[in-house]
């Protein structure tokens, strides 16, 4: 499972990146073989004004199931 994380309007720290990867791996550990890729986009809700509010958008790409063949 490939995880692509991007921060859109703030500097992403190593600790934020590690936290997101840890949470995704925990949440999808039982399905890791069915998920090809997860794209994660993080953005600040306050725009250029700063602040601690963040928004997270995730997009999962799954592998075709054997039933789809």
Protein backbone atom coordinates (compact mmCIF):
# COMPACT_ATOMS: atom_id res chain seq x y z
CA UNK A 1 0.00 0.00 0.00
CA UNK A 2 1.52 3.28 -1.13
CA UNK A 3 0.63 6.39 0.88
CA UNK A 4 1.10 9.81 -0.72
CA UNK A 5 0.71 12.73 1.71
CA UNK A 6 0.78 16.38 0.65
CA UNK A 7 0.24 19.53 2.67
CA UNK A 8 -1.35 22.14 0.42
CA UNK A 9 -0.95 25.43 2.26
CA UNK A 10 1.26 24.79 5.28
CA UNK A 11 4.60 23.17 5.99
CA UNK A 12 4.18 19.52 6.86
CA UNK A 13 6.45 18.37 9.66
CA UNK A 14 7.92 14.91 9.99
CA UNK A 15 5.72 14.29 13.01
CA UNK A 16 2.52 15.12 11.07
CA UNK A 17 3.58 12.84 8.22
CA UNK A 18 4.44 10.02 10.64
CA UNK A 19 1.12 10.47 12.49
CA UNK A 20 -0.93 10.28 9.27
CA UNK A 21 0.94 7.18 8.06
CA UNK A 22 0.56 5.48 11.43
CA UNK A 23 -3.19 6.18 11.53
CA UNK A 24 -3.74 4.97 7.95
CA UNK A 25 -1.73 1.81 8.53
CA UNK A 26 -3.70 1.12 11.70
CA UNK A 27 -7.11 1.80 10.11
CA UNK A 28 -6.49 -0.27 6.99
CA UNK A 29 -4.15 -2.97 8.31
CA UNK A 30 -6.67 -5.72 7.63
CA UNK A 31 -7.16 -4.52 4.04
CA UNK A 32 -3.63 -3.48 3.06
CA UNK A 33 -3.49 -6.12 0.31
CA UNK A 34 -6.67 -4.73 -1.28
CA UNK A 35 -5.53 -1.09 -1.35
CA UNK A 36 -3.05 -0.04 -4.00
CA UNK A 37 -2.63 3.59 -3.03
CA UNK A 38 -3.97 6.25 -0.68
CA UNK A 39 -3.66 9.93 -1.53
CA UNK A 40 -3.92 12.25 1.46
CA UNK A 41 -4.29 16.02 1.08
CA UNK A 42 -3.99 18.19 4.14
CA UNK A 43 -4.97 21.84 4.13
CA UNK A 44 -5.48 24.60 6.64
CA UNK A 45 -9.08 25.73 7.14
CA UNK A 46 -7.93 29.26 7.89
CA UNK A 47 -6.02 29.78 4.64
CA UNK A 48 -3.16 32.28 4.80
CA UNK A 49 -4.33 33.52 8.23
CA UNK A 50 -2.81 30.46 9.87
CA UNK A 51 -4.37 28.73 12.84
CA UNK A 52 -4.50 25.13 13.99
CA UNK A 53 -7.61 23.98 12.12
CA UNK A 54 -6.76 21.43 9.44
CA UNK A 55 -8.77 19.58 6.79
CA UNK A 56 -7.92 16.08 5.55
CA UNK A 57 -9.09 14.60 2.23
CA UNK A 58 -8.27 10.94 1.47
CA UNK A 59 -8.70 9.07 -1.79
CA UNK A 60 -8.27 5.28 -1.83
CA UNK A 61 -7.41 3.27 -4.92
CA UNK A 62 -8.29 -0.38 -4.54
CA UNK A 63 -7.13 -3.48 -6.37
CA UNK A 64 -9.71 -5.26 -8.49
CA UNK A 65 -11.36 -8.07 -6.57
CA UNK A 66 -11.25 -11.63 -7.98
CA UNK A 67 -15.01 -11.36 -8.56
CA UNK A 68 -14.41 -8.52 -11.05
CA UNK A 69 -12.33 -10.72 -13.36
